[in-house]
Amino acid sequence: MTDTTDAAGPLRDPGAEPPAFPQEKAPGCPFDPPPGYRRFQTEDPFARVTLPSGQRARVVARHRDVRAVLDDPRFSADSSHPDFPRMFPRPVPQVLKGTFPRLDGAEHLRYRRMLARDFTGRRADELRPRIEQIVDARLDLMEEQGGPLDLMEALAYPVPSTVVCELLGVPPEDSPLFESRTRILINGRSTPEETLRAKEDILHHLEGVVAAKEKRPGDDLISRLIVEQVGPGLLDRAEVAVIAWLLLAAGHHTTATMIGTGTMLLLEHPDQLAALRADPKLIPGAVDELLRHQTAMQIGMNRIATADVTLGEHTVRAGEGVVCQLATANRDAEIFPDPDRFDVTRTARGQLGFGHGPHQCPGQSLARVELQVALGRLITRLPGLRLAVPAADVPFWHHLFGIHGVQELPVTW
């Protein structure tokens, strides 16, 4: 971009280098966004920044502006655009390039409609009894083993991974392969070679699952796509494998991270934990508050303007990249009073933890039920639950891209 005008308003010294983005969190504050982000929100809407790739882009941090961008078809999710904002300082495989999350308009909607019936709120509620069985089985194993143990490996990863594998029709014994490869894909420190190899491993395995389902269909999503979409020629077999991969990746890692992060947040806020134990009816609302306060997707809702777009007093020019900062939007005091306070009695409707607009996470209803069941059962069955290490020693995902949350969570009871 060579435009030297600043259509979005004053940005410090017009001749100065735009600040780097993303920024590091403050030491000792893993639960809060980097402190510099508040300036973007309160002082400099649509601030121009420099990304690790060297590109210039706009950071959108206010709740109303993020919603407006994600709702506007003039902001494209197509990462094949030459000016699409890239977060990596080196070339890496664009694992989502060409997949339906990176499509716009009618083509994106076509794929979402294929999946709609499996991810409604009603379908998620129908799955609740099975999710309760899965959670209880994992808690039984935890009680049998005894602490201390890593809650991520014992509960947080296995629950959503098992649920999405059953939904898709993927054999449960395949779950560890998908979990390990997905962690490589979402880790901003993976090399390009590691990223590409992990994607190929997953797709190769899923292509085998698709081939098996074609010979012997079952009562699952992959079988339904084969019958309803591949049969009439609306999809090919490779596309079914890609869709299954996307749902596996999105369907377990973010939810697992939120189970772990939510547990630690509750243990660090014993008054809030006590409120939930005293009144379990608060749990659904507490999950939305958790999604607001600890937004899993720190980076990822990037867009490219395909036309000049004026939002309020600010204009984004065609060809400019935009980074929607969901975590900061979820701490917007205009929408959520005292936004840095974690309050399980808060009405957090309108939180943007699942994004917004046409590309909003299709699995949000299922994720909510998984979080409600996992956290509700955990704090009820293990009343003595506590951290097995000092809070400062709990490792978080420290890379700046992708998923926010605890990496391991040593607990005992």
Protein backbone atom coordinates (compact mmCIF):
# COMPACT_ATOMS: atom_id res chain seq x y z
CA MET A 1 0.00 0.00 0.00
CA THR A 2 1.37 3.42 -0.93
CA ASP A 3 -1.49 5.64 0.31
CA THR A 4 -0.03 8.19 2.77
CA THR A 5 -3.39 9.70 3.76
CA ASP A 6 -5.10 8.49 6.90
CA ALA A 7 -8.78 8.21 6.09
CA ALA A 8 -9.53 6.64 9.45
CA GLY A 9 -8.42 9.62 11.53
CA PRO A 10 -5.28 10.90 13.29
CA LEU A 11 -2.63 8.34 14.21
CA ARG A 12 0.02 9.99 16.39
CA ASP A 13 2.71 11.43 14.10
CA PRO A 14 1.65 10.80 10.47
CA GLY A 15 5.29 10.27 9.53
CA ALA A 16 5.99 7.72 12.26
CA GLU A 17 6.16 3.99 11.71
CA PRO A 18 2.82 2.42 12.71
CA PRO A 19 3.07 0.40 15.93
CA ALA A 20 3.76 -3.31 15.73
CA PHE A 21 0.87 -5.72 16.04
CA PRO A 22 0.19 -8.06 17.76
CA GLN A 23 1.65 -7.12 21.12
CA GLU A 24 2.79 -9.17 24.10
CA LYS A 25 0.61 -9.56 27.17
CA ALA A 26 1.69 -7.80 30.35
CA PRO A 27 3.89 -9.99 32.60
CA GLY A 28 1.82 -11.89 35.13
CA CYS A 29 -1.49 -11.10 33.39
CA PRO A 30 -2.24 -14.12 31.18
CA PHE A 31 -5.99 -13.61 31.39
CA ASP A 32 -5.99 -10.07 29.99
CA PRO A 33 -5.34 -8.74 26.47
CA PRO A 34 -2.12 -6.73 26.02
CA PRO A 35 -2.54 -3.35 27.74
CA GLY A 36 -1.72 -1.44 24.57
CA TYR A 37 -4.88 -2.71 22.92
CA ARG A 38 -7.02 -0.49 25.11
CA ARG A 39 -5.46 2.50 23.38
CA PHE A 40 -6.61 1.17 20.01
CA GLN A 41 -10.11 0.90 21.40
CA THR A 42 -10.40 4.21 23.24
CA GLU A 43 -8.06 6.53 21.35
CA ASP A 44 -7.46 5.28 17.85
CA PRO A 45 -10.29 3.33 16.16
CA PHE A 46 -9.16 1.69 12.94
CA ALA A 47 -5.52 2.30 13.89
CA ARG A 48 -2.92 1.53 11.26
CA VAL A 49 -0.34 -1.04 12.45
CA THR A 50 2.58 -3.05 11.10
CA LEU A 51 2.07 -6.83 11.04
CA PRO A 52 4.87 -9.40 11.45
CA SER A 53 4.64 -9.98 7.68
CA GLY A 54 5.69 -6.34 7.16
CA GLN A 55 2.26 -5.39 5.83
CA ARG A 56 0.27 -2.41 7.06
CA ALA A 57 -3.27 -3.07 8.23
CA ARG A 58 -6.05 -1.61 10.35
CA VAL A 59 -6.84 -2.93 13.82
CA VAL A 60 -10.53 -2.82 14.72
CA ALA A 61 -11.01 -3.11 18.47
CA ARG A 62 -14.39 -1.62 19.37
CA HIS A 63 -17.36 -3.94 19.67
CA ARG A 64 -19.63 -2.01 17.32
CA ASP A 65 -16.91 -1.65 14.68
CA VAL A 66 -15.97 -5.34 14.77
CA ARG A 67 -19.62 -6.28 14.28
CA ALA A 68 -19.94 -3.83 11.41
CA VAL A 69 -16.84 -5.16 9.62
CA LEU A 70 -17.77 -8.82 10.04
CA ASP A 71 -21.31 -8.10 8.78
CA ASP A 72 -20.23 -6.12 5.72
CA PRO A 73 -19.77 -8.11 2.45
CA ARG A 74 -17.27 -5.50 1.27
CA PHE A 75 -14.79 -6.96 3.76
CA SER A 76 -13.65 -10.27 2.26
CA ALA A 77 -12.36 -13.36 4.09
CA ASP A 78 -10.55 -14.56 0.94
CA SER A 79 -6.93 -15.11 2.00
CA SER A 80 -5.80 -15.58 -1.62
CA HIS A 81 -6.08 -11.81 -2.15
CA PRO A 82 -2.53 -10.47 -2.60
CA ASP A 83 -3.03 -7.80 0.09
CA PHE A 84 -4.83 -10.03 2.60
CA PRO A 85 -3.32 -9.29 6.04
CA ARG A 86 -0.89 -12.07 6.97
CA MET A 87 0.25 -12.54 10.54
CA PHE A 88 3.41 -14.53 9.96
CA PRO A 89 6.89 -13.02 9.40
CA ARG A 90 7.79 -15.82 6.98
CA PRO A 91 5.90 -17.63 4.23
CA VAL A 92 3.80 -20.47 5.62
CA PRO A 93 1.24 -22.72 3.95
CA GLN A 94 -2.21 -21.11 4.03
CA VAL A 95 -3.98 -24.14 5.40
CA LEU A 96 -7.45 -22.58 5.02
CA LYS A 97 -6.88 -21.11 1.56
CA GLY A 98 -9.68 -22.14 -0.78
CA THR A 99 -11.75 -23.78 1.97
CA PHE A 100 -15.26 -22.62 2.80
CA PRO A 101 -14.25 -20.44 5.81
CA ARG A 102 -12.28 -18.34 3.30
CA LEU A 103 -15.10 -18.07 0.77
CA ASP A 104 -17.54 -15.18 0.59
CA GLY A 105 -21.15 -14.66 -0.31
CA ALA A 106 -23.27 -17.33 -1.95
CA GLU A 107 -20.45 -19.86 -2.26
CA HIS A 108 -19.71 -19.68 1.46
CA LEU A 109 -23.41 -19.95 2.26
CA ARG A 110 -23.73 -23.05 0.04
CA TYR A 111 -21.30 -24.98 2.23
CA ARG A 112 -22.80 -23.76 5.49
CA ARG A 113 -26.24 -24.93 4.40
CA MET A 114 -24.85 -28.44 3.87
CA LEU A 115 -23.86 -28.50 7.54
CA ALA A 116 -26.70 -26.51 9.06
CA ARG A 117 -28.87 -29.35 10.36
CA ASP A 118 -25.99 -30.90 12.34
CA PHE A 119 -25.11 -27.72 14.23
CA THR A 120 -28.41 -26.21 15.32
CA GLY A 121 -29.19 -25.43 18.94
CA ARG A 122 -31.80 -28.19 18.89
CA ARG A 123 -29.26 -30.73 17.64
CA ALA A 124 -26.79 -29.67 20.35
CA ASP A 125 -29.47 -30.20 23.01
CA GLU A 126 -30.22 -33.65 21.58
CA LEU A 127 -26.54 -34.51 22.02
CA ARG A 128 -26.42 -33.29 25.63
CA PRO A 129 -27.13 -36.73 27.22
CA ARG A 130 -24.33 -38.32 25.19
CA ILE A 131 -21.97 -35.46 26.10
CA GLU A 132 -22.84 -36.01 29.77
CA GLN A 133 -21.93 -39.70 29.40
CA ILE A 134 -18.58 -38.79 27.81
CA VAL A 135 -17.75 -36.25 30.52
CA ASP A 136 -18.77 -38.59 33.33
CA ALA A 137 -16.61 -41.38 31.88
CA ARG A 138 -13.59 -39.08 31.82
CA LEU A 139 -14.26 -37.92 35.38
CA ASP A 140 -14.57 -41.55 36.48
CA LEU A 141 -11.09 -42.18 35.08
CA MET A 142 -9.74 -39.08 36.80
CA GLU A 143 -11.12 -40.17 40.16
CA GLU A 144 -9.76 -43.67 39.66
CA GLN A 145 -6.31 -42.35 38.76
CA GLY A 146 -6.20 -39.61 41.37
CA GLY A 147 -4.33 -36.32 41.20
CA PRO A 148 -2.27 -34.52 40.39
CA LEU A 149 -2.85 -34.75 36.64
CA ASP A 150 -3.06 -32.54 33.59
CA LEU A 151 -6.72 -31.58 33.14
CA MET A 152 -6.13 -30.80 29.47
CA GLU A 153 -5.11 -34.37 28.67
CA ALA A 154 -7.52 -36.01 31.13
CA LEU A 155 -10.69 -34.08 30.26
CA ALA A 156 -10.43 -30.95 28.15
CA TYR A 157 -9.09 -32.50 24.94
CA PRO A 158 -10.81 -35.91 25.05
CA VAL A 159 -14.36 -34.59 25.53
CA PRO A 160 -14.79 -32.33 22.46
CA SER A 161 -12.56 -34.61 20.38
CA THR A 162 -14.77 -37.62 21.16
CA VAL A 163 -17.94 -35.63 20.47
CA VAL A 164 -16.85 -34.33 17.07
CA CYS A 165 -15.45 -37.72 16.02
CA GLU A 166 -18.78 -39.36 16.83
CA LEU A 167 -20.68 -36.62 15.02
CA LEU A 168 -18.55 -37.04 11.90
CA GLY A 169 -18.34 -40.82 12.06
CA VAL A 170 -14.58 -40.89 12.57
CA PRO A 171 -13.31 -43.91 14.57
CA PRO A 172 -12.52 -42.83 18.16
CA GLU A 173 -9.08 -44.46 17.99
CA ASP A 174 -8.14 -41.84 15.37
CA SER A 175 -8.63 -38.99 17.83
CA PRO A 176 -5.02 -38.81 19.13
CA LEU A 177 -3.68 -38.40 15.58
CA PHE A 178 -6.04 -35.52 14.87
CA GLU A 179 -5.32 -33.86 18.21
CA SER A 180 -1.54 -33.97 17.77
CA ARG A 181 -1.60 -32.71 14.18
CA THR A 182 -4.09 -29.95 14.96
CA ARG A 183 -1.82 -28.60 17.69
CA ILE A 184 0.91 -28.26 15.08
CA LEU A 185 -1.45 -26.39 12.73
CA ILE A 186 -2.61 -23.85 15.32
CA ASN A 187 0.85 -23.25 16.80
CA GLY A 188 2.33 -20.12 15.28
CA ARG A 189 5.84 -21.47 15.94
CA SER A 190 5.47 -24.53 13.70
CA THR A 191 7.72 -24.51 10.64
CA PRO A 192 6.17 -24.42 7.16
CA GLU A 193 7.28 -28.01 6.66
CA GLU A 194 5.66 -29.13 9.94
CA THR A 195 2.45 -27.30 9.08
CA LEU A 196 2.16 -28.80 5.62
CA ARG A 197 3.00 -32.31 6.86
CA ALA A 198 0.39 -32.10 9.64
CA LYS A 199 -2.31 -31.02 7.20
CA GLU A 200 -1.38 -33.81 4.77
CA ASP A 201 -1.43 -36.42 7.56
CA ILE A 202 -4.94 -35.42 8.60
CA LEU A 203 -6.34 -35.24 5.08
CA HIS A 204 -4.77 -38.53 4.02
CA HIS A 205 -6.33 -40.27 7.01
CA LEU A 206 -9.73 -38.67 6.45
CA GLU A 207 -9.71 -39.64 2.78
CA GLY A 208 -9.52 -43.22 4.00
CA VAL A 209 -12.47 -42.65 6.32
CA VAL A 210 -14.50 -41.15 3.45
CA ALA A 211 -13.69 -44.14 1.23
CA ALA A 212 -14.81 -46.54 3.96
CA LYS A 213 -18.04 -44.61 4.55
CA GLU A 214 -18.79 -44.66 0.83
CA LYS A 215 -18.77 -48.47 0.91
CA ARG A 216 -20.64 -48.71 4.22
CA PRO A 217 -22.53 -45.51 5.16
CA GLY A 218 -23.50 -44.95 8.77
CA ASP A 219 -25.62 -42.51 10.75
CA ASP A 220 -23.09 -39.67 10.75
CA LEU A 221 -22.19 -36.42 9.02
CA ILE A 222 -19.57 -37.83 6.63
CA SER A 223 -22.00 -40.51 5.42
CA ARG A 224 -24.73 -37.93 4.93
CA LEU A 225 -22.44 -35.70 2.88
CA ILE A 226 -21.49 -38.66 0.70
CA VAL A 227 -25.13 -39.58 0.06
CA GLU A 228 -26.62 -36.09 -0.24
CA GLN A 229 -23.74 -34.13 -1.77
CA VAL A 230 -21.25 -36.46 -3.45
CA GLY A 231 -23.95 -38.66 -4.99
CA PRO A 232 -25.67 -35.82 -6.90
CA GLY A 233 -22.29 -34.31 -7.85
CA LEU A 234 -22.49 -31.27 -5.56
CA LEU A 235 -19.23 -32.22 -3.78
CA ASP A 236 -16.36 -34.53 -4.58
CA ARG A 237 -14.79 -36.98 -2.12
CA ALA A 238 -11.75 -34.80 -1.49
CA GLU A 239 -13.99 -31.90 -0.46
CA VAL A 240 -15.75 -34.12 2.10
CA ALA A 241 -12.37 -34.94 3.64
CA VAL A 242 -11.48 -31.23 3.80
CA ILE A 243 -14.82 -30.35 5.42
CA ALA A 244 -14.32 -33.13 7.97
CA TRP A 245 -10.83 -31.84 8.71
CA LEU A 246 -12.09 -28.29 9.26
CA LEU A 247 -14.81 -29.49 11.62
CA LEU A 248 -12.39 -31.69 13.54
CA ALA A 249 -9.89 -28.88 13.96
CA ALA A 250 -12.44 -26.23 14.87
CA GLY A 251 -14.56 -28.67 16.84
CA HIS A 252 -12.11 -29.73 19.48
CA HIS A 253 -9.13 -27.46 20.07
CA THR A 254 -10.88 -24.17 20.83
CA THR A 255 -13.45 -25.88 23.05
CA ALA A 256 -10.74 -27.87 24.84
CA THR A 257 -8.78 -24.70 25.49
CA MET A 258 -11.86 -22.98 26.87
CA ILE A 259 -12.53 -25.90 29.24
CA GLY A 260 -9.01 -25.61 30.61
CA THR A 261 -8.90 -21.82 30.72
CA GLY A 262 -12.38 -21.65 32.22
CA THR A 263 -11.43 -24.08 34.97
CA MET A 264 -8.34 -22.08 35.89
CA LEU A 265 -10.28 -18.82 35.80
CA LEU A 266 -12.85 -20.23 38.20
CA LEU A 267 -10.15 -21.58 40.54
CA GLU A 268 -8.55 -18.13 40.54
CA HIS A 269 -11.95 -16.53 41.32
CA PRO A 270 -13.24 -18.66 44.22
CA ASP A 271 -16.21 -16.33 44.82
CA GLN A 272 -17.43 -16.96 41.27
CA LEU A 273 -16.83 -20.70 41.62
CA ALA A 274 -18.83 -20.72 44.85
CA ALA A 275 -21.69 -18.87 43.12
CA LEU A 276 -21.88 -21.56 40.42
CA ARG A 277 -21.81 -24.39 42.94
CA ALA A 278 -24.56 -22.70 44.93
CA ASP A 279 -26.74 -22.13 41.85
CA PRO A 280 -26.01 -24.41 38.87
CA LYS A 281 -28.66 -22.55 36.85
CA LEU A 282 -26.04 -19.83 36.41
CA ILE A 283 -23.80 -22.12 34.33
CA PRO A 284 -25.21 -21.32 30.84
CA GLY A 285 -24.76 -17.59 31.43
CA ALA A 286 -21.37 -18.20 33.02
CA VAL A 287 -20.21 -19.95 29.84
CA ASP A 288 -21.06 -16.86 27.77
CA GLU A 289 -19.20 -14.73 30.32
CA LEU A 290 -16.22 -17.06 30.03
CA LEU A 291 -16.33 -16.79 26.22
CA ARG A 292 -16.39 -13.01 26.57
CA HIS A 293 -13.70 -12.66 29.22
CA GLN A 294 -11.34 -15.30 27.77
CA THR A 295 -11.87 -15.07 24.02
CA ALA A 296 -10.11 -18.06 22.48
CA MET A 297 -9.52 -16.59 19.02
CA GLN A 298 -7.05 -13.78 19.70
CA ILE A 299 -6.13 -13.42 16.02
CA GLY A 300 -7.91 -14.85 13.02
CA MET A 301 -10.81 -12.66 11.98
CA ASN A 302 -8.78 -10.87 9.32
CA ARG A 303 -10.43 -9.25 6.31
CA ILE A 304 -9.50 -7.33 3.15
CA ALA A 305 -11.58 -4.34 2.00
CA THR A 306 -12.78 -4.83 -1.58
CA ALA A 307 -14.16 -1.28 -1.79
CA ASP A 308 -13.92 1.97 0.12
CA VAL A 309 -16.02 1.49 3.26
CA THR A 310 -17.11 4.27 5.60
CA LEU A 311 -18.12 3.23 9.10
CA GLY A 312 -19.21 6.21 11.17
CA GLU A 313 -16.49 8.83 10.82
CA HIS A 314 -13.86 6.37 9.58
CA THR A 315 -13.08 5.16 6.10
CA VAL A 316 -11.14 2.04 5.15
CA ARG A 317 -9.80 2.13 1.60
CA ALA A 318 -10.16 -0.65 -0.93
CA GLY A 319 -7.17 -3.00 -0.66
CA GLU A 320 -6.50 -2.28 3.02
CA GLY A 321 -6.29 -5.21 5.40
CA VAL A 322 -8.32 -5.26 8.60
CA VAL A 323 -7.69 -7.25 11.78
CA CYS A 324 -10.78 -7.65 13.96
CA GLN A 325 -9.56 -7.94 17.54
CA LEU A 326 -12.28 -10.02 19.18
CA ALA A 327 -10.71 -10.18 22.63
CA THR A 328 -10.57 -6.39 22.89
CA ALA A 329 -14.08 -5.96 21.48
CA ASN A 330 -15.29 -8.31 24.22
CA ARG A 331 -13.74 -5.97 26.79
CA ASP A 332 -15.54 -2.89 25.40
CA ALA A 333 -16.93 -0.87 28.33
CA GLU A 334 -19.66 0.60 26.12
CA ILE A 335 -21.21 -2.87 25.89
CA PHE A 336 -19.95 -4.64 29.02
CA PRO A 337 -19.64 -2.37 32.09
CA ASP A 338 -16.51 -2.99 34.16
CA PRO A 339 -15.32 -5.24 31.32
CA ASP A 340 -12.19 -6.63 32.97
CA ARG A 341 -14.22 -8.11 35.83
CA PHE A 342 -15.16 -11.80 35.51
CA ASP A 343 -18.76 -12.09 36.72
CA VAL A 344 -20.77 -15.29 36.25
CA THR A 345 -24.00 -13.37 36.93
CA ARG A 346 -23.34 -10.96 34.07
CA THR A 347 -25.59 -11.03 31.01
CA ALA A 348 -22.91 -11.47 28.35
CA ARG A 349 -25.21 -11.82 25.36
CA GLY A 350 -23.61 -10.15 22.37
CA GLN A 351 -20.12 -11.43 23.18
CA LEU A 352 -18.06 -12.08 20.05
CA GLY A 353 -16.17 -15.19 21.12
CA PHE A 354 -17.60 -17.07 18.13
CA GLY A 355 -17.16 -14.17 15.73
CA HIS A 356 -20.10 -12.48 14.04
CA GLY A 357 -21.85 -12.27 10.72
CA PRO A 358 -21.89 -14.79 7.87
CA HIS A 359 -18.66 -16.47 9.03
CA GLN A 360 -19.70 -16.87 12.66
CA CYS A 361 -18.64 -20.25 14.04
CA PRO A 362 -21.23 -22.83 12.91
CA GLY A 363 -20.49 -25.08 15.90
CA GLN A 364 -21.19 -22.52 18.60
CA SER A 365 -24.31 -24.25 19.98
CA LEU A 366 -22.45 -27.54 20.33
CA ALA A 367 -19.46 -25.82 21.94
CA ARG A 368 -21.71 -24.11 24.48
CA VAL A 369 -23.29 -27.40 25.52
CA GLU A 370 -19.88 -29.08 25.81
CA LEU A 371 -18.61 -26.25 28.01
CA GLN A 372 -21.74 -26.24 30.16
CA VAL A 373 -21.57 -29.98 30.75
CA ALA A 374 -17.80 -30.24 31.24
CA LEU A 375 -17.49 -27.32 33.64
CA GLY A 376 -20.74 -28.07 35.46
CA ARG A 377 -19.90 -31.73 36.05
CA LEU A 378 -16.28 -30.98 36.95
CA ILE A 379 -16.98 -28.47 39.71
CA THR A 380 -19.82 -30.61 41.11
CA ARG A 381 -18.04 -33.95 41.21
CA LEU A 382 -14.68 -32.63 42.43
CA PRO A 383 -15.47 -30.09 45.16
CA GLY A 384 -11.84 -30.07 46.30
CA LEU A 385 -10.48 -29.23 42.84
CA ARG A 386 -7.45 -26.93 42.96
CA LEU A 387 -4.29 -26.13 41.05
CA ALA A 388 -1.42 -28.52 41.68
CA VAL A 389 1.18 -25.82 40.90
CA PRO A 390 1.36 -22.08 41.53
CA ALA A 391 -0.81 -20.16 39.07
CA ALA A 392 2.28 -18.42 37.71
CA ASP A 393 3.66 -21.82 36.65
CA VAL A 394 0.65 -22.78 34.50
CA PRO A 395 1.84 -22.61 30.87
CA PHE A 396 -0.23 -20.70 28.36
CA TRP A 397 0.04 -20.75 24.61
CA HIS A 398 2.72 -18.08 24.31
CA HIS A 399 2.75 -17.55 20.56
CA LEU A 400 1.00 -14.44 19.34
CA PHE A 401 -1.16 -16.09 16.69
CA GLY A 402 -4.14 -18.37 16.97
CA ILE A 403 -5.59 -19.79 20.14
CA HIS A 404 -5.40 -18.15 23.56
CA GLY A 405 -5.53 -20.25 26.70
CA VAL A 406 -3.81 -22.72 28.99
CA GLN A 407 -1.52 -25.28 27.41
CA GLU A 408 -1.38 -27.61 30.43
CA LEU A 409 -3.40 -27.43 33.64
CA PRO A 410 -1.98 -29.48 36.55
CA VAL A 411 -4.77 -30.01 39.10
CA THR A 412 -5.51 -32.13 42.12
CA TRP A 413 -8.44 -32.46 44.58
